[in-house]
PDB file of N, CA and C in Angstrom:
ATOM      1  N   MET A   1      -3.125  39.026  28.655  1.00  0.00           N
ATOM      2  CA  MET A   1      -2.740  39.068  27.255  1.00  0.00           C
ATOM      3  C   MET A   1      -2.468  40.527  26.880  1.00  0.00           C
ATOM      4  N   ALA A   2      -1.363  40.771  26.215  1.00  0.00           N
ATOM      5  CA  ALA A   2      -0.991  42.117  25.786  1.00  0.00           C
ATOM      6  C   ALA A   2      -1.902  42.589  24.654  1.00  0.00           C
ATOM      7  N   ASP A   3      -2.020  43.902  24.522  1.00  0.00           N
ATOM      8  CA  ASP A   3      -2.872  44.478  23.475  1.00  0.00           C
ATOM      9  C   ASP A   3      -2.466  44.017  22.083  1.00  0.00           C
ATOM     10  N   PHE A   4      -1.161  43.919  21.821  1.00  0.00           N
ATOM     11  CA  PHE A   4      -0.693  43.494  20.496  1.00  0.00           C
ATOM     12  C   PHE A   4      -1.138  42.066  20.207  1.00  0.00           C
ATOM     13  N   GLU A   5      -1.082  41.220  21.236  1.00  0.00           N
ATOM     14  CA  GLU A   5      -1.509  39.829  21.066  1.00  0.00           C
ATOM     15  C   GLU A   5      -3.017  39.744  20.842  1.00  0.00           C
ATOM     16  N   ARG A   6      -3.760  40.559  21.549  1.00  0.00           N
ATOM     17  CA  ARG A   6      -5.217  40.588  21.389  1.00  0.00           C
ATOM     18  C   ARG A   6      -5.574  41.026  19.969  1.00  0.00           C
ATOM     19  N   LEU A   7      -4.924  42.072  19.478  1.00  0.00           N
ATOM     20  CA  LEU A   7      -5.152  42.533  18.111  1.00  0.00           C
ATOM     21  C   LEU A   7      -4.804  41.429  17.117  1.00  0.00           C
ATOM     22  N   ALA A   8      -3.696  40.752  17.339  1.00  0.00           N
ATOM     23  CA  ALA A   8      -3.280  39.670  16.439  1.00  0.00           C
ATOM     24  C   ALA A   8      -4.358  38.594  16.352  1.00  0.00           C
ATOM     25  N   ARG A   9      -4.891  38.190  17.491  1.00  0.00           N
ATOM     26  CA  ARG A   9      -5.936  37.149  17.491  1.00  0.00           C
ATOM     27  C   ARG A   9      -7.187  37.600  16.745  1.00  0.00           C
ATOM     28  N   ILE A  10      -7.571  38.846  16.954  1.00  0.00           N
ATOM     29  CA  ILE A  10      -8.752  39.381  16.270  1.00  0.00           C
ATOM     30  C   ILE A  10      -8.533  39.384  14.764  1.00  0.00           C
ATOM     31  N   VAL A  11      -7.378  39.853  14.329  1.00  0.00           N
ATOM     32  CA  VAL A  11      -7.080  39.921  12.892  1.00  0.00           C
ATOM     33  C   VAL A  11      -7.063  38.524  12.284  1.00  0.00           C
ATOM     34  N   ILE A  12      -6.403  37.593  12.936  1.00  0.00           N
ATOM     35  CA  ILE A  12      -6.311  36.223  12.419  1.00  0.00           C
ATOM     36  C   ILE A  12      -7.701  35.598  12.303  1.00  0.00           C
ATOM     37  N   MET A  13      -8.514  35.753  13.354  1.00  0.00           N
ATOM     38  CA  MET A  13      -9.856  35.154  13.333  1.00  0.00           C
ATOM     39  C   MET A  13     -10.730  35.785  12.254  1.00  0.00           C
ATOM     40  N   ARG A  14     -10.707  37.103  12.153  1.00  0.00           N
ATOM     41  CA  ARG A  14     -11.553  37.778  11.162  1.00  0.00           C
ATOM     42  C   ARG A  14     -11.088  37.470   9.745  1.00  0.00           C
ATOM     43  N   ARG A  15      -9.785  37.436   9.542  1.00  0.00           N
ATOM     44  CA  ARG A  15      -9.249  37.108   8.217  1.00  0.00           C
ATOM     45  C   ARG A  15      -9.699  35.711   7.808  1.00  0.00           C
ATOM     46  N   ALA A  16      -9.674  34.775   8.752  1.00  0.00           N
ATOM     47  CA  ALA A  16     -10.121  33.402   8.474  1.00  0.00           C
ATOM     48  C   ALA A  16     -11.620  33.371   8.163  1.00  0.00           C
ATOM     49  N   GLU A  17     -12.415  34.128   8.930  1.00  0.00           N
ATOM     50  CA  GLU A  17     -13.863  34.191   8.673  1.00  0.00           C
ATOM     51  C   GLU A  17     -14.160  34.664   7.256  1.00  0.00           C
ATOM     52  N   LEU A  18     -13.365  35.616   6.783  1.00  0.00           N
ATOM     53  CA  LEU A  18     -13.568  36.179   5.448  1.00  0.00           C
ATOM     54  C   LEU A  18     -12.908  35.347   4.351  1.00  0.00           C
ATOM     55  N   GLY A  19     -12.097  34.366   4.754  1.00  0.00           N
ATOM     56  CA  GLY A  19     -11.423  33.512   3.777  1.00  0.00           C
ATOM     57  C   GLY A  19     -10.282  34.206   3.056  1.00  0.00           C
ATOM     58  N   PHE A  20      -9.683  35.213   3.700  1.00  0.00           N
ATOM     59  CA  PHE A  20      -8.576  35.951   3.095  1.00  0.00           C
ATOM     60  C   PHE A  20      -7.241  35.331   3.487  1.00  0.00           C
ATOM     61  N   SER A  21      -6.328  35.286   2.559  1.00  0.00           N
ATOM     62  CA  SER A  21      -4.936  34.968   2.877  1.00  0.00           C
ATOM     63  C   SER A  21      -4.284  36.258   3.385  1.00  0.00           C
ATOM     64  N   GLN A  22      -3.095  36.139   3.951  1.00  0.00           N
ATOM     65  CA  GLN A  22      -2.366  37.344   4.342  1.00  0.00           C
ATOM     66  C   GLN A  22      -2.109  38.213   3.113  1.00  0.00           C
ATOM     67  N   GLU A  23      -1.813  37.572   2.006  1.00  0.00           N
ATOM     68  CA  GLU A  23      -1.552  38.301   0.766  1.00  0.00           C
ATOM     69  C   GLU A  23      -2.786  39.094   0.325  1.00  0.00           C
ATOM     70  N   GLU A  24      -3.953  38.466   0.383  1.00  0.00           N
ATOM     71  CA  GLU A  24      -5.195  39.141  -0.014  1.00  0.00           C
ATOM     72  C   GLU A  24      -5.512  40.299   0.922  1.00  0.00           C
ATOM     73  N   LEU A  25      -5.350  40.085   2.214  1.00  0.00           N
ATOM     74  CA  LEU A  25      -5.607  41.155   3.172  1.00  0.00           C
ATOM     75  C   LEU A  25      -4.668  42.328   2.917  1.00  0.00           C
ATOM     76  N   ALA A  26      -3.410  42.034   2.693  1.00  0.00           N
ATOM     77  CA  ALA A  26      -2.433  43.089   2.409  1.00  0.00           C
ATOM     78  C   ALA A  26      -2.820  43.860   1.154  1.00  0.00           C
ATOM     79  N   ARG A  27      -3.248  43.162   0.126  1.00  0.00           N
ATOM     80  CA  ARG A  27      -3.657  43.819  -1.121  1.00  0.00           C
ATOM     81  C   ARG A  27      -4.831  44.763  -0.854  1.00  0.00           C
ATOM     82  N   ARG A  28      -5.796  44.296  -0.077  1.00  0.00           N
ATOM     83  CA  ARG A  28      -6.968  45.116   0.230  1.00  0.00           C
ATOM     84  C   ARG A  28      -6.604  46.333   1.086  1.00  0.00           C
ATOM     85  N   MET A  29      -5.534  46.218   1.858  1.00  0.00           N
ATOM     86  CA  MET A  29      -5.065  47.325   2.687  1.00  0.00           C
ATOM     87  C   MET A  29      -4.176  48.285   1.920  1.00  0.00           C
ATOM     88  N   GLY A  30      -3.625  47.814   0.798  1.00  0.00           N
ATOM     89  CA  GLY A  30      -2.629  48.611   0.092  1.00  0.00           C
ATOM     90  C   GLY A  30      -1.300  48.579   0.816  1.00  0.00           C
ATOM     91  N   ALA A  31      -0.974  47.413   1.375  1.00  0.00           N
ATOM     92  CA  ALA A  31       0.241  47.256   2.176  1.00  0.00           C
ATOM     93  C   ALA A  31       0.986  46.003   1.742  1.00  0.00           C
ATOM     94  N   ALA A  32       2.171  45.838   2.273  1.00  0.00           N
ATOM     95  CA  ALA A  32       2.965  44.637   2.008  1.00  0.00           C
ATOM     96  C   ALA A  32       2.465  43.488   2.878  1.00  0.00           C
ATOM     97  N   GLU A  33       2.595  42.281   2.363  1.00  0.00           N
ATOM     98  CA  GLU A  33       2.193  41.099   3.129  1.00  0.00           C
ATOM     99  C   GLU A  33       2.944  41.026   4.453  1.00  0.00           C
ATOM    100  N   SER A  34       4.182  41.488   4.465  1.00  0.00           N
ATOM    101  CA  SER A  34       4.970  41.463   5.703  1.00  0.00           C
ATOM    102  C   SER A  34       4.332  42.333   6.788  1.00  0.00           C
ATOM    103  N   SER A  35       3.601  43.370   6.393  1.00  0.00           N
ATOM    104  CA  SER A  35       2.898  44.209   7.377  1.00  0.00           C
ATOM    105  C   SER A  35       1.822  43.414   8.097  1.00  0.00           C
ATOM    106  N   VAL A  36       1.078  42.619   7.342  1.00  0.00           N
ATOM    107  CA  VAL A  36       0.040  41.773   7.935  1.00  0.00           C
ATOM    108  C   VAL A  36       0.690  40.728   8.839  1.00  0.00           C
ATOM    109  N   ALA A  37       1.756  40.127   8.376  1.00  0.00           N
ATOM    110  CA  ALA A  37       2.451  39.106   9.169  1.00  0.00           C
ATOM    111  C   ALA A  37       2.952  39.686  10.488  1.00  0.00           C
ATOM    112  N   ARG A  38       3.459  40.915  10.463  1.00  0.00           N
ATOM    113  CA  ARG A  38       3.942  41.552  11.696  1.00  0.00           C
ATOM    114  C   ARG A  38       2.796  41.767  12.682  1.00  0.00           C
ATOM    115  N   VAL A  39       1.674  42.271  12.193  1.00  0.00           N
ATOM    116  CA  VAL A  39       0.522  42.483  13.081  1.00  0.00           C
ATOM    117  C   VAL A  39       0.070  41.149  13.668  1.00  0.00           C
ATOM    118  N   GLU A  40      -0.022  40.126  12.825  1.00  0.00           N
ATOM    119  CA  GLU A  40      -0.501  38.821  13.279  1.00  0.00           C
ATOM    120  C   GLU A  40       0.483  38.109  14.202  1.00  0.00           C
ATOM    121  N   SER A  41       1.725  38.542  14.227  1.00  0.00           N
ATOM    122  CA  SER A  41       2.696  37.925  15.137  1.00  0.00           C
ATOM    123  C   SER A  41       2.435  38.336  16.584  1.00  0.00           C
ATOM    124  N   GLY A  42       1.729  39.448  16.775  1.00  0.00           N
ATOM    125  CA  GLY A  42       1.448  39.920  18.125  1.00  0.00           C
ATOM    126  C   GLY A  42       2.635  40.549  18.811  1.00  0.00           C
ATOM    127  N   GLN A  43       3.686  40.826  18.067  1.00  0.00           N
ATOM    128  CA  GLN A  43       4.920  41.347  18.642  1.00  0.00           C
ATOM    129  C   GLN A  43       5.182  42.816  18.314  1.00  0.00           C
ATOM    130  N   TYR A  44       4.369  43.400  17.455  1.00  0.00           N
ATOM    131  CA  TYR A  44       4.654  44.745  16.965  1.00  0.00           C
ATOM    132  C   TYR A  44       3.463  45.671  17.132  1.00  0.00           C
ATOM    133  N   ALA A  45       3.766  46.924  17.441  1.00  0.00           N
ATOM    134  CA  ALA A  45       2.738  47.964  17.489  1.00  0.00           C
ATOM    135  C   ALA A  45       2.433  48.389  16.063  1.00  0.00           C
ATOM    136  N   THR A  46       1.261  48.915  15.858  1.00  0.00           N
ATOM    137  CA  THR A  46       0.897  49.447  14.551  1.00  0.00           C
ATOM    138  C   THR A  46       0.377  50.860  14.743  1.00  0.00           C
ATOM    139  N   ASP A  47       0.554  51.696  13.741  1.00  0.00           N
ATOM    140  CA  ASP A  47       0.076  53.072  13.875  1.00  0.00           C
ATOM    141  C   ASP A  47      -1.424  53.138  13.583  1.00  0.00           C
ATOM    142  N   VAL A  48      -2.012  54.263  13.911  1.00  0.00           N
ATOM    143  CA  VAL A  48      -3.460  54.425  13.788  1.00  0.00           C
ATOM    144  C   VAL A  48      -3.912  54.301  12.339  1.00  0.00           C
ATOM    145  N   GLN A  49      -3.182  54.872  11.406  1.00  0.00           N
ATOM    146  CA  GLN A  49      -3.582  54.801   9.997  1.00  0.00           C
ATOM    147  C   GLN A  49      -3.584  53.358   9.495  1.00  0.00           C
ATOM    148  N   THR A  50      -2.577  52.592   9.878  1.00  0.00           N
ATOM    149  CA  THR A  50      -2.528  51.184   9.479  1.00  0.00           C
ATOM    150  C   THR A  50      -3.678  50.420  10.115  1.00  0.00           C
ATOM    151  N   LEU A  51      -3.965  50.718  11.364  1.00  0.00           N
ATOM    152  CA  LEU A  51      -5.079  50.063  12.052  1.00  0.00           C
ATOM    153  C   LEU A  51      -6.401  50.357  11.346  1.00  0.00           C
ATOM    154  N   LYS A  52      -6.589  51.594  10.905  1.00  0.00           N
ATOM    155  CA  LYS A  52      -7.815  51.952  10.180  1.00  0.00           C
ATOM    156  C   LYS A  52      -7.909  51.206   8.853  1.00  0.00           C
ATOM    157  N   ARG A  53      -6.804  51.143   8.111  1.00  0.00           N
ATOM    158  CA  ARG A  53      -6.803  50.420   6.829  1.00  0.00           C
ATOM    159  C   ARG A  53      -7.066  48.936   7.051  1.00  0.00           C
ATOM    160  N   LEU A  54      -6.484  48.394   8.100  1.00  0.00           N
ATOM    161  CA  LEU A  54      -6.678  46.990   8.447  1.00  0.00           C
ATOM    162  C   LEU A  54      -8.150  46.723   8.760  1.00  0.00           C
ATOM    163  N   ALA A  55      -8.747  47.574   9.567  1.00  0.00           N
ATOM    164  CA  ALA A  55     -10.158  47.408   9.928  1.00  0.00           C
ATOM    165  C   ALA A  55     -11.055  47.481   8.697  1.00  0.00           C
ATOM    166  N   ARG A  56     -10.805  48.451   7.821  1.00  0.00           N
ATOM    167  CA  ARG A  56     -11.610  48.572   6.599  1.00  0.00           C
ATOM    168  C   ARG A  56     -11.483  47.334   5.730  1.00  0.00           C
ATOM    169  N   ALA A  57     -10.259  46.836   5.581  1.00  0.00           N
ATOM    170  CA  ALA A  57     -10.021  45.651   4.752  1.00  0.00           C
ATOM    171  C   ALA A  57     -10.713  44.420   5.333  1.00  0.00           C
ATOM    172  N   LEU A  58     -10.885  44.408   6.660  1.00  0.00           N
ATOM    173  CA  LEU A  58     -11.558  43.292   7.328  1.00  0.00           C
ATOM    174  C   LEU A  58     -13.058  43.546   7.487  1.00  0.00           C
ATOM    175  N   ARG A  59     -13.549  44.575   6.792  1.00  0.00           N
ATOM    176  CA  ARG A  59     -14.976  44.939   6.805  1.00  0.00           C
ATOM    177  C   ARG A  59     -15.459  45.273   8.215  1.00  0.00           C
ATOM    178  N   GLY A  60     -14.643  46.045   8.902  1.00  0.00           N
ATOM    179  CA  GLY A  60     -14.978  46.486  10.250  1.00  0.00           C
ATOM    180  C   GLY A  60     -14.569  47.927  10.427  1.00  0.00           C
ATOM    181  N   ARG A  61     -14.409  48.340  11.668  1.00  0.00           N
ATOM    182  CA  ARG A  61     -13.904  49.675  11.941  1.00  0.00           C
ATOM    183  C   ARG A  61     -13.050  49.633  13.190  1.00  0.00           C
ATOM    184  N   ALA A  62     -12.094  50.520  13.229  1.00  0.00           N
ATOM    185  CA  ALA A  62     -11.192  50.604  14.372  1.00  0.00           C
ATOM    186  C   ALA A  62     -11.819  51.510  15.424  1.00  0.00           C
ATOM    187  N   LEU A  63     -11.815  51.066  16.648  1.00  0.00           N
ATOM    188  CA  LEU A  63     -12.300  51.870  17.766  1.00  0.00           C
ATOM    189  C   LEU A  63     -11.121  52.164  18.671  1.00  0.00           C
ATOM    190  N   ILE A  64     -10.819  53.424  18.810  1.00  0.00           N
ATOM    191  CA  ILE A  64      -9.675  53.829  19.620  1.00  0.00           C
ATOM    192  C   ILE A  64     -10.185  54.823  20.651  1.00  0.00           C
ATOM    193  N   GLY A  65      -9.853  54.597  21.902  1.00  0.00           N
ATOM    194  CA  GLY A  65     -10.346  55.501  22.927  1.00  0.00           C
ATOM    195  C   GLY A  65      -9.530  55.413  24.197  1.00  0.00           C
ATOM    196  N   ILE A  66      -9.987  56.152  25.163  1.00  0.00           N
ATOM    197  CA  ILE A  66      -9.351  56.159  26.476  1.00  0.00           C
ATOM    198  C   ILE A  66     -10.426  55.851  27.504  1.00  0.00           C
ATOM    199  N   ARG A  67     -10.156  54.887  28.346  1.00  0.00           N
ATOM    200  CA  ARG A  67     -11.078  54.549  29.435  1.00  0.00           C
ATOM    201  C   ARG A  67     -10.571  55.194  30.715  1.00  0.00           C
ATOM    202  N   THR A  68     -11.485  55.696  31.496  1.00  0.00           N
ATOM    203  CA  THR A  68     -11.081  56.234  32.787  1.00  0.00           C
ATOM    204  C   THR A  68     -10.892  55.082  33.761  1.00  0.00           C
ATOM    205  N   LEU A  69     -10.004  55.282  34.689  1.00  0.00           N
ATOM    206  CA  LEU A  69      -9.709  54.235  35.673  1.00  0.00           C
ATOM    207  C   LEU A  69     -10.592  54.359  36.887  1.00  0.00           C
TER     208      LEU A  69
END
């Protein structure tokens, strides 16, 4: 599974747990509903700032790092 798809699944599941619509999540992020729809499609990359806003709106935090091989 690609990283974008994994992120999409996490966002969809967490949004459902919180009972948020895409519109509500977008409002909490200060973004357009289409931004949430793009992330949830699993087809688009998102920048770090958007990822942070998304995590905060979902009552979580974004973890970004590099793993050694």
